[in-house]
C-alpha atoms as a PDB file:
ATOM      1  CA  UNK A   1      70.660 -14.789  83.421  1.00  0.00           C
ATOM      2  CA  UNK A   2      69.328 -15.617  80.316  1.00  0.00           C
ATOM      3  CA  UNK A   3      68.823 -12.329  78.191  1.00  0.00           C
ATOM      4  CA  UNK A   4      66.794 -12.747  74.986  1.00  0.00           C
ATOM      5  CA  UNK A   5      68.478 -11.293  71.265  1.00  0.00           C
ATOM      6  CA  UNK A   6      67.940  -7.100  70.923  1.00  0.00           C
ATOM      7  CA  UNK A   7      64.631  -6.781  68.529  1.00  0.00           C
ATOM      8  CA  UNK A   8      65.088  -4.156  65.782  1.00  0.00           C
ATOM      9  CA  UNK A   9      61.394  -2.662  65.569  1.00  0.00           C
ATOM     10  CA  UNK A  10      62.493   0.568  64.113  1.00  0.00           C
ATOM     11  CA  UNK A  11      61.398  -0.732  60.709  1.00  0.00           C
ATOM     12  CA  UNK A  12      57.913  -3.361  61.838  1.00  0.00           C
ATOM     13  CA  UNK A  13      54.528  -1.172  61.524  1.00  0.00           C
ATOM     14  CA  UNK A  14      52.691  -0.571  64.418  1.00  0.00           C
ATOM     15  CA  UNK A  15      49.637  -1.641  62.362  1.00  0.00           C
ATOM     16  CA  UNK A  16      50.917  -4.718  60.599  1.00  0.00           C
ATOM     17  CA  UNK A  17      47.595  -6.903  60.197  1.00  0.00           C
ATOM     18  CA  UNK A  18      45.228  -3.762  60.235  1.00  0.00           C
ATOM     19  CA  UNK A  19      43.329  -3.063  57.271  1.00  0.00           C
ATOM     20  CA  UNK A  20      44.417  -0.101  55.410  1.00  0.00           C
ATOM     21  CA  UNK A  21      41.650   1.871  54.549  1.00  0.00           C
ATOM     22  CA  UNK A  22      43.532   4.288  52.638  1.00  0.00           C
ATOM     23  CA  UNK A  23      44.705   1.376  49.868  1.00  0.00           C
ATOM     24  CA  UNK A  24      42.401   1.975  46.529  1.00  0.00           C
ATOM     25  CA  UNK A  25      43.721  -1.169  45.546  1.00  0.00           C
ATOM     26  CA  UNK A  26      42.615  -3.191  49.180  1.00  0.00           C
ATOM     27  CA  UNK A  27      39.656  -4.842  49.724  1.00  0.00           C
ATOM     28  CA  UNK A  28      36.477  -3.364  48.201  1.00  0.00           C
ATOM     29  CA  UNK A  29      34.667  -4.138  51.598  1.00  0.00           C
ATOM     30  CA  UNK A  30      37.452  -2.332  53.645  1.00  0.00           C
ATOM     31  CA  UNK A  31      38.378   0.716  51.508  1.00  0.00           C
ATOM     32  CA  UNK A  32      36.057   3.549  51.659  1.00  0.00           C
ATOM     33  CA  UNK A  33      34.608   4.911  49.085  1.00  0.00           C
ATOM     34  CA  UNK A  34      36.120   8.448  48.900  1.00  0.00           C
ATOM     35  CA  UNK A  35      39.569   6.235  47.947  1.00  0.00           C
ATOM     36  CA  UNK A  36      38.180   4.484  44.793  1.00  0.00           C
ATOM     37  CA  UNK A  37      36.683   8.118  43.300  1.00  0.00           C
ATOM     38  CA  UNK A  38      39.607  10.916  43.573  1.00  0.00           C
ATOM     39  CA  UNK A  39      37.649  13.965  45.336  1.00  0.00           C
ATOM     40  CA  UNK A  40      38.966  17.484  45.525  1.00  0.00           C
ATOM     41  CA  UNK A  41      37.981  20.607  46.327  1.00  0.00           C
ATOM     42  CA  UNK A  42      35.561  22.726  43.987  1.00  0.00           C
ATOM     43  CA  UNK A  43      36.775  25.782  41.857  1.00  0.00           C
ATOM     44  CA  UNK A  44      35.430  28.152  39.758  1.00  0.00           C
ATOM     45  CA  UNK A  45      36.141  26.064  36.662  1.00  0.00           C
ATOM     46  CA  UNK A  46      33.915  23.470  37.776  1.00  0.00           C
ATOM     47  CA  UNK A  47      30.584  25.856  37.169  1.00  0.00           C
ATOM     48  CA  UNK A  48      29.521  24.448  33.584  1.00  0.00           C
ATOM     49  CA  UNK A  49      30.246  20.554  35.161  1.00  0.00           C
ATOM     50  CA  UNK A  50      27.669  21.662  38.490  1.00  0.00           C
ATOM     51  CA  UNK A  51      25.126  23.050  36.547  1.00  0.00           C
ATOM     52  CA  UNK A  52      25.366  20.746  33.924  1.00  0.00           C
ATOM     53  CA  UNK A  53      24.893  18.008  36.127  1.00  0.00           C
ATOM     54  CA  UNK A  54      22.263  19.787  38.280  1.00  0.00           C
ATOM     55  CA  UNK A  55      20.015  20.543  35.213  1.00  0.00           C
ATOM     56  CA  UNK A  56      19.816  16.787  34.307  1.00  0.00           C
ATOM     57  CA  UNK A  57      19.038  16.071  38.002  1.00  0.00           C
ATOM     58  CA  UNK A  58      16.368  19.133  37.548  1.00  0.00           C
ATOM     59  CA  UNK A  59      15.129  19.409  34.059  1.00  0.00           C
ATOM     60  CA  UNK A  60      16.002  23.307  34.350  1.00  0.00           C
ATOM     61  CA  UNK A  61      19.258  25.391  34.287  1.00  0.00           C
ATOM     62  CA  UNK A  62      20.116  27.173  37.830  1.00  0.00           C
ATOM     63  CA  UNK A  63      23.438  28.876  36.435  1.00  0.00           C
ATOM     64  CA  UNK A  64      22.589  31.797  38.568  1.00  0.00           C
ATOM     65  CA  UNK A  65      22.210  30.696  41.393  1.00  0.00           C
ATOM     66  CA  UNK A  66      25.649  28.305  41.433  1.00  0.00           C
ATOM     67  CA  UNK A  67      27.372  31.292  40.468  1.00  0.00           C
ATOM     68  CA  UNK A  68      26.126  32.966  43.197  1.00  0.00           C
ATOM     69  CA  UNK A  69      27.019  29.728  45.669  1.00  0.00           C
ATOM     70  CA  UNK A  70      30.415  29.016  43.920  1.00  0.00           C
ATOM     71  CA  UNK A  71      31.409  32.799  44.752  1.00  0.00           C
ATOM     72  CA  UNK A  72      30.180  32.539  48.467  1.00  0.00           C
ATOM     73  CA  UNK A  73      31.920  29.021  49.021  1.00  0.00           C
ATOM     74  CA  UNK A  74      35.374  30.271  47.015  1.00  0.00           C
ATOM     75  CA  UNK A  75      34.768  33.744  48.383  1.00  0.00           C
ATOM     76  CA  UNK A  76      32.831  34.567  51.261  1.00  0.00           C
ATOM     77  CA  UNK A  77      33.845  32.112  53.749  1.00  0.00           C
ATOM     78  CA  UNK A  78      36.432  31.425  55.440  1.00  0.00           C
ATOM     79  CA  UNK A  79      36.752  28.037  55.420  1.00  0.00           C
ATOM     80  CA  UNK A  80      36.530  26.242  52.312  1.00  0.00           C
ATOM     81  CA  UNK A  81      35.061  22.640  52.104  1.00  0.00           C
ATOM     82  CA  UNK A  82      33.326  22.187  49.090  1.00  0.00           C
ATOM     83  CA  UNK A  83      34.474  19.453  46.891  1.00  0.00           C
ATOM     84  CA  UNK A  84      34.250  17.622  43.512  1.00  0.00           C
ATOM     85  CA  UNK A  85      33.864  14.285  42.515  1.00  0.00           C
ATOM     86  CA  UNK A  86      36.117  13.076  39.544  1.00  0.00           C
ATOM     87  CA  UNK A  87      36.188  10.110  36.951  1.00  0.00           C
ATOM     88  CA  UNK A  88      38.475   9.563  34.147  1.00  0.00           C
ATOM     89  CA  UNK A  89      38.660  13.739  34.671  1.00  0.00           C
ATOM     90  CA  UNK A  90      35.262  14.296  34.358  1.00  0.00           C
ATOM     91  CA  UNK A  91      33.358  15.735  37.319  1.00  0.00           C
ATOM     92  CA  UNK A  92      30.509  13.331  38.009  1.00  0.00           C
ATOM     93  CA  UNK A  93      29.328  14.771  41.188  1.00  0.00           C
ATOM     94  CA  UNK A  94      29.720  17.620  43.986  1.00  0.00           C
ATOM     95  CA  UNK A  95      28.735  18.756  47.059  1.00  0.00           C
ATOM     96  CA  UNK A  96      28.174  22.449  48.519  1.00  0.00           C
ATOM     97  CA  UNK A  97      28.679  23.071  51.919  1.00  0.00           C
ATOM     98  CA  UNK A  98      30.310  25.699  54.361  1.00  0.00           C
ATOM     99  CA  UNK A  99      31.083  25.970  57.809  1.00  0.00           C
ATOM    100  CA  UNK A 100      29.148  28.698  59.940  1.00  0.00           C
ATOM    101  CA  UNK A 101      30.559  29.559  63.483  1.00  0.00           C
ATOM    102  CA  UNK A 102      27.622  29.655  65.642  1.00  0.00           C
ATOM    103  CA  UNK A 103      23.787  30.632  64.866  1.00  0.00           C
ATOM    104  CA  UNK A 104      20.694  30.722  66.923  1.00  0.00           C
ATOM    105  CA  UNK A 105      22.394  31.299  70.359  1.00  0.00           C
ATOM    106  CA  UNK A 106      25.160  28.389  69.419  1.00  0.00           C
ATOM    107  CA  UNK A 107      28.512  29.082  69.239  1.00  0.00           C
ATOM    108  CA  UNK A 108      30.042  25.865  68.205  1.00  0.00           C
ATOM    109  CA  UNK A 109      30.782  25.743  64.328  1.00  0.00           C
ATOM    110  CA  UNK A 110      28.309  23.770  62.263  1.00  0.00           C
ATOM    111  CA  UNK A 111      28.717  22.554  58.770  1.00  0.00           C
ATOM    112  CA  UNK A 112      25.726  22.753  56.541  1.00  0.00           C
ATOM    113  CA  UNK A 113      25.149  21.197  53.421  1.00  0.00           C
ATOM    114  CA  UNK A 114      23.556  23.283  50.721  1.00  0.00           C
ATOM    115  CA  UNK A 115      23.505  21.086  47.811  1.00  0.00           C
ATOM    116  CA  UNK A 116      24.439  17.771  46.441  1.00  0.00           C
ATOM    117  CA  UNK A 117      24.215  16.511  42.742  1.00  0.00           C
ATOM    118  CA  UNK A 118      25.772  13.356  41.369  1.00  0.00           C
ATOM    119  CA  UNK A 119      25.542  12.775  37.406  1.00  0.00           C
ATOM    120  CA  UNK A 120      22.317  10.310  37.224  1.00  0.00           C
ATOM    121  CA  UNK A 121      24.956   7.942  34.917  1.00  0.00           C
ATOM    122  CA  UNK A 122      26.986   7.937  37.803  1.00  0.00           C
ATOM    123  CA  UNK A 123      23.931   6.764  40.260  1.00  0.00           C
ATOM    124  CA  UNK A 124      24.744   4.467  42.683  1.00  0.00           C
ATOM    125  CA  UNK A 125      28.558   4.122  42.127  1.00  0.00           C
ATOM    126  CA  UNK A 126      29.216   5.251  45.331  1.00  0.00           C
ATOM    127  CA  UNK A 127      30.178   8.992  44.446  1.00  0.00           C
ATOM    128  CA  UNK A 128      27.852  10.307  46.768  1.00  0.00           C
ATOM    129  CA  UNK A 129      29.311   8.809  49.682  1.00  0.00           C
ATOM    130  CA  UNK A 130      32.929   9.148  48.553  1.00  0.00           C
ATOM    131  CA  UNK A 131      31.827  13.421  48.582  1.00  0.00           C
ATOM    132  CA  UNK A 132      30.293  13.067  51.824  1.00  0.00           C
ATOM    133  CA  UNK A 133      33.232  10.732  53.351  1.00  0.00           C
ATOM    134  CA  UNK A 134      35.593  13.198  52.417  1.00  0.00           C
ATOM    135  CA  UNK A 135      33.563  16.259  53.601  1.00  0.00           C
ATOM    136  CA  UNK A 136      33.312  14.377  57.079  1.00  0.00           C
ATOM    137  CA  UNK A 137      36.904  13.647  57.211  1.00  0.00           C
ATOM    138  CA  UNK A 138      38.326  17.259  55.832  1.00  0.00           C
ATOM    139  CA  UNK A 139      34.901  18.424  58.692  1.00  0.00           C
ATOM    140  CA  UNK A 140      36.859  16.114  61.568  1.00  0.00           C
ATOM    141  CA  UNK A 141      40.347  17.888  60.803  1.00  0.00           C
ATOM    142  CA  UNK A 142      38.876  21.403  61.138  1.00  0.00           C
ATOM    143  CA  UNK A 143      37.401  20.287  64.743  1.00  0.00           C
ATOM    144  CA  UNK A 144      33.782  20.419  63.389  1.00  0.00           C
ATOM    145  CA  UNK A 145      31.515  18.702  65.017  1.00  0.00           C
ATOM    146  CA  UNK A 146      28.031  18.883  63.591  1.00  0.00           C
ATOM    147  CA  UNK A 147      27.227  18.688  60.013  1.00  0.00           C
ATOM    148  CA  UNK A 148      22.924  19.160  58.844  1.00  0.00           C
ATOM    149  CA  UNK A 149      20.631  19.728  55.930  1.00  0.00           C
ATOM    150  CA  UNK A 150      17.668  20.051  54.668  1.00  0.00           C
ATOM    151  CA  UNK A 151      16.073  17.504  52.343  1.00  0.00           C
ATOM    152  CA  UNK A 152      12.731  17.228  50.645  1.00  0.00           C
ATOM    153  CA  UNK A 153      10.694  14.789  52.669  1.00  0.00           C
ATOM    154  CA  UNK A 154       9.975  13.056  49.549  1.00  0.00           C
ATOM    155  CA  UNK A 155      13.444  13.176  48.489  1.00  0.00           C
ATOM    156  CA  UNK A 156      14.046   9.327  48.999  1.00  0.00           C
ATOM    157  CA  UNK A 157      17.509   8.649  47.158  1.00  0.00           C
ATOM    158  CA  UNK A 158      19.303  11.486  48.803  1.00  0.00           C
ATOM    159  CA  UNK A 159      17.711  10.663  52.219  1.00  0.00           C
ATOM    160  CA  UNK A 160      18.966   6.774  51.492  1.00  0.00           C
ATOM    161  CA  UNK A 161      22.337   8.295  50.774  1.00  0.00           C
ATOM    162  CA  UNK A 162      22.410  10.091  53.956  1.00  0.00           C
ATOM    163  CA  UNK A 163      20.696   7.634  56.369  1.00  0.00           C
ATOM    164  CA  UNK A 164      23.596   5.684  55.179  1.00  0.00           C
ATOM    165  CA  UNK A 165      26.120   7.743  55.924  1.00  0.00           C
ATOM    166  CA  UNK A 166      24.621   8.358  59.641  1.00  0.00           C
ATOM    167  CA  UNK A 167      22.305  11.282  59.450  1.00  0.00           C
ATOM    168  CA  UNK A 168      19.600  10.880  61.389  1.00  0.00           C
ATOM    169  CA  UNK A 169      16.397  13.765  61.543  1.00  0.00           C
ATOM    170  CA  UNK A 170      16.836  16.834  63.926  1.00  0.00           C
ATOM    171  CA  UNK A 171      15.266  18.325  66.873  1.00  0.00           C
ATOM    172  CA  UNK A 172      14.201  21.164  64.816  1.00  0.00           C
ATOM    173  CA  UNK A 173      10.910  21.924  63.201  1.00  0.00           C
ATOM    174  CA  UNK A 174      11.631  23.937  59.859  1.00  0.00           C
ATOM    175  CA  UNK A 175       8.312  26.589  59.258  1.00  0.00           C
ATOM    176  CA  UNK A 176       7.434  28.716  55.898  1.00  0.00           C
ATOM    177  CA  UNK A 177       5.291  30.905  55.100  1.00  0.00           C
ATOM    178  CA  UNK A 178       3.889  32.282  51.444  1.00  0.00           C
ATOM    179  CA  UNK A 179       4.549  35.649  51.645  1.00  0.00           C
ATOM    180  CA  UNK A 180       2.160  37.465  48.898  1.00  0.00           C
ATOM    181  CA  UNK A 181       1.177  41.360  48.436  1.00  0.00           C
ATOM    182  CA  UNK A 182      -2.242  40.893  49.559  1.00  0.00           C
END
């Protein structure tokens, strides 16, 4: 009986030949956007940058809103999932989200995106996709199975980014009513 020599496979990679999606120096078409743009968890020190980005996008300052949102994501929620994107140590984008542990009779955790912003100078550079990609990876690790957000019907740039990242219209109707003191 002929036997083949023992082959030492302990030093061979099992994923040899497979694309390395975490390698930021790899093929741009295979690398993930979150690997090209540094993403980190949001901190209280990011407030000024977030307000500045939002002001550029909306033409007005909403510091009170973002102070409240930042307080919520930093202290009131059990799981911190809000993120910022940085390029050359400059905050160029943010995504504020939370995990709700059931609503409207559902018991499974659902993530909710409250606010997304990218400095217009860095628009169309993959910042929003990098933020969403990292958020989705983090939520997947937490076993959160769904995510939702509300978007203005005419916010075509954000709708395009969300669509590109796999979001679809939900089977819900949002209702609104003005409240007056009549």
